[in-house]
């Protein structure tokens, strides 16, 4: 038996899918493309024997950019999927959210 997607965008636990706006998708994609370029840049820096401290500083910038993507995703997740699941009576989403937050804070 197939599980139908809910019209609101947040899906049941069996079919988990997000529902980002086109604007949010574009912003996330743009940020991730920039991060991807930075990672390729680090690879080039290593191949060119660039000073280690310079590479480490570039890695810190990438980590900060990834954290920014994570914050945006977390905010959108909490304002949409988490709220909708709580409103539908699914309070297990809180435990799921706490596990995710703990992973992000490592």
C-alpha atoms as a PDB file:
ATOM      1  CA  UNK A   1       0.000   0.000   0.000  1.00  0.00           C
ATOM      2  CA  UNK A   2       1.520   3.311  -1.065  1.00  0.00           C
ATOM      3  CA  UNK A   3       1.520   6.299   1.248  1.00  0.00           C
ATOM      4  CA  UNK A   4       0.080   9.424  -0.354  1.00  0.00           C
ATOM      5  CA  UNK A   5       1.871  12.729   0.049  1.00  0.00           C
ATOM      6  CA  UNK A   6       0.052  15.300   2.126  1.00  0.00           C
ATOM      7  CA  UNK A   7      -0.989  18.455   0.338  1.00  0.00           C
ATOM      8  CA  UNK A   8       0.755  20.644   2.923  1.00  0.00           C
ATOM      9  CA  UNK A   9       4.184  19.445   1.855  1.00  0.00           C
ATOM     10  CA  UNK A  10       5.443  17.765   5.001  1.00  0.00           C
ATOM     11  CA  UNK A  11       5.072  14.083   4.608  1.00  0.00           C
ATOM     12  CA  UNK A  12       4.318  11.221   6.919  1.00  0.00           C
ATOM     13  CA  UNK A  13       7.219   9.313   8.413  1.00  0.00           C
ATOM     14  CA  UNK A  14       6.907   6.704   5.637  1.00  0.00           C
ATOM     15  CA  UNK A  15       7.389   9.293   2.874  1.00  0.00           C
ATOM     16  CA  UNK A  16       9.677  12.043   4.101  1.00  0.00           C
ATOM     17  CA  UNK A  17      10.061  14.987   1.825  1.00  0.00           C
ATOM     18  CA  UNK A  18      10.630  18.668   2.363  1.00  0.00           C
ATOM     19  CA  UNK A  19       8.803  21.533   0.720  1.00  0.00           C
ATOM     20  CA  UNK A  20      11.175  24.446   0.273  1.00  0.00           C
ATOM     21  CA  UNK A  21      10.074  27.469  -1.708  1.00  0.00           C
ATOM     22  CA  UNK A  22      11.804  28.130  -5.010  1.00  0.00           C
ATOM     23  CA  UNK A  23      13.523  31.114  -3.371  1.00  0.00           C
ATOM     24  CA  UNK A  24      14.879  28.946  -0.529  1.00  0.00           C
ATOM     25  CA  UNK A  25      16.036  26.262  -2.959  1.00  0.00           C
ATOM     26  CA  UNK A  26      17.842  28.888  -5.025  1.00  0.00           C
ATOM     27  CA  UNK A  27      19.532  30.362  -1.939  1.00  0.00           C
ATOM     28  CA  UNK A  28      20.625  26.932  -0.678  1.00  0.00           C
ATOM     29  CA  UNK A  29      21.863  25.883  -4.110  1.00  0.00           C
ATOM     30  CA  UNK A  30      23.821  29.113  -4.506  1.00  0.00           C
ATOM     31  CA  UNK A  31      25.468  28.700  -1.099  1.00  0.00           C
ATOM     32  CA  UNK A  32      26.309  25.059  -1.772  1.00  0.00           C
ATOM     33  CA  UNK A  33      27.766  25.897  -5.182  1.00  0.00           C
ATOM     34  CA  UNK A  34      30.019  28.469  -3.509  1.00  0.00           C
ATOM     35  CA  UNK A  35      31.082  25.914  -0.889  1.00  0.00           C
ATOM     36  CA  UNK A  36      31.778  23.377  -3.608  1.00  0.00           C
ATOM     37  CA  UNK A  37      34.041  25.909  -5.321  1.00  0.00           C
ATOM     38  CA  UNK A  38      35.836  26.626  -2.043  1.00  0.00           C
ATOM     39  CA  UNK A  39      36.485  22.919  -1.544  1.00  0.00           C
ATOM     40  CA  UNK A  40      37.931  22.644  -5.051  1.00  0.00           C
ATOM     41  CA  UNK A  41      40.062  25.671  -4.171  1.00  0.00           C
ATOM     42  CA  UNK A  42      41.458  23.896  -1.113  1.00  0.00           C
ATOM     43  CA  UNK A  43      42.301  20.878  -3.235  1.00  0.00           C
ATOM     44  CA  UNK A  44      44.224  23.183  -5.578  1.00  0.00           C
ATOM     45  CA  UNK A  45      45.959  24.844  -2.628  1.00  0.00           C
ATOM     46  CA  UNK A  46      47.154  21.460  -1.370  1.00  0.00           C
ATOM     47  CA  UNK A  47      48.378  20.489  -4.832  1.00  0.00           C
ATOM     48  CA  UNK A  48      50.324  23.786  -5.001  1.00  0.00           C
ATOM     49  CA  UNK A  49      51.845  23.266  -1.539  1.00  0.00           C
ATOM     50  CA  UNK A  50      50.216  26.420  -0.139  1.00  0.00           C
ATOM     51  CA  UNK A  51      51.133  27.227   3.464  1.00  0.00           C
ATOM     52  CA  UNK A  52      49.123  25.034   5.854  1.00  0.00           C
ATOM     53  CA  UNK A  53      47.743  27.921   7.919  1.00  0.00           C
ATOM     54  CA  UNK A  54      46.254  29.488   4.791  1.00  0.00           C
ATOM     55  CA  UNK A  55      44.539  26.193   3.946  1.00  0.00           C
ATOM     56  CA  UNK A  56      43.234  25.819   7.502  1.00  0.00           C
ATOM     57  CA  UNK A  57      41.792  29.337   7.388  1.00  0.00           C
ATOM     58  CA  UNK A  58      40.030  28.510   4.130  1.00  0.00           C
ATOM     59  CA  UNK A  59      38.667  25.331   5.747  1.00  0.00           C
ATOM     60  CA  UNK A  60      37.301  27.402   8.634  1.00  0.00           C
ATOM     61  CA  UNK A  61      35.507  29.629   6.131  1.00  0.00           C
ATOM     62  CA  UNK A  62      33.959  26.562   4.505  1.00  0.00           C
ATOM     63  CA  UNK A  63      32.819  25.206   7.865  1.00  0.00           C
ATOM     64  CA  UNK A  64      31.213  28.554   8.647  1.00  0.00           C
ATOM     65  CA  UNK A  65      29.430  28.521   5.287  1.00  0.00           C
ATOM     66  CA  UNK A  66      28.179  24.971   5.909  1.00  0.00           C
ATOM     67  CA  UNK A  67      26.922  26.051   9.328  1.00  0.00           C
ATOM     68  CA  UNK A  68      24.996  28.843   7.625  1.00  0.00           C
ATOM     69  CA  UNK A  69      23.318  26.351   5.301  1.00  0.00           C
ATOM     70  CA  UNK A  70      22.503  24.147   8.279  1.00  0.00           C
ATOM     71  CA  UNK A  71      20.974  27.050  10.206  1.00  0.00           C
ATOM     72  CA  UNK A  72      18.778  28.012   7.269  1.00  0.00           C
ATOM     73  CA  UNK A  73      17.608  24.429   6.792  1.00  0.00           C
ATOM     74  CA  UNK A  74      16.971  23.973  10.507  1.00  0.00           C
ATOM     75  CA  UNK A  75      14.975  27.193  10.726  1.00  0.00           C
ATOM     76  CA  UNK A  76      12.803  26.256   7.757  1.00  0.00           C
ATOM     77  CA  UNK A  77      12.360  22.720   9.088  1.00  0.00           C
ATOM     78  CA  UNK A  78      11.215  23.955  12.486  1.00  0.00           C
ATOM     79  CA  UNK A  79       8.818  26.541  11.029  1.00  0.00           C
ATOM     80  CA  UNK A  80       7.201  24.093   8.642  1.00  0.00           C
ATOM     81  CA  UNK A  81       7.586  20.340   9.094  1.00  0.00           C
ATOM     82  CA  UNK A  82       8.043  20.318  12.865  1.00  0.00           C
ATOM     83  CA  UNK A  83       5.104  22.672  13.494  1.00  0.00           C
ATOM     84  CA  UNK A  84       2.850  20.729  11.136  1.00  0.00           C
ATOM     85  CA  UNK A  85       3.729  17.388  12.688  1.00  0.00           C
ATOM     86  CA  UNK A  86       3.120  18.689  16.211  1.00  0.00           C
ATOM     87  CA  UNK A  87      -0.210  20.162  15.128  1.00  0.00           C
ATOM     88  CA  UNK A  88      -1.174  16.761  13.706  1.00  0.00           C
ATOM     89  CA  UNK A  89      -0.377  15.142  17.071  1.00  0.00           C
ATOM     90  CA  UNK A  90       3.003  13.656  16.128  1.00  0.00           C
ATOM     91  CA  UNK A  91       5.176  14.651  19.089  1.00  0.00           C
ATOM     92  CA  UNK A  92       7.942  12.177  18.165  1.00  0.00           C
ATOM     93  CA  UNK A  93       9.222  14.901  15.861  1.00  0.00           C
ATOM     94  CA  UNK A  94      10.637  16.662  18.944  1.00  0.00           C
ATOM     95  CA  UNK A  95      12.930  13.728  19.744  1.00  0.00           C
ATOM     96  CA  UNK A  96      13.964  13.593  16.078  1.00  0.00           C
ATOM     97  CA  UNK A  97      14.702  17.326  16.143  1.00  0.00           C
ATOM     98  CA  UNK A  98      16.784  17.047  19.314  1.00  0.00           C
ATOM     99  CA  UNK A  99      18.905  14.270  17.788  1.00  0.00           C
ATOM    100  CA  UNK A 100      19.472  16.431  14.715  1.00  0.00           C
ATOM    101  CA  UNK A 101      20.405  19.506  16.780  1.00  0.00           C
ATOM    102  CA  UNK A 102      22.887  17.443  18.802  1.00  0.00           C
ATOM    103  CA  UNK A 103      24.494  16.230  15.556  1.00  0.00           C
ATOM    104  CA  UNK A 104      24.744  19.786  14.265  1.00  0.00           C
ATOM    105  CA  UNK A 105      26.379  20.971  17.472  1.00  0.00           C
ATOM    106  CA  UNK A 106      29.215  18.445  17.406  1.00  0.00           C
END
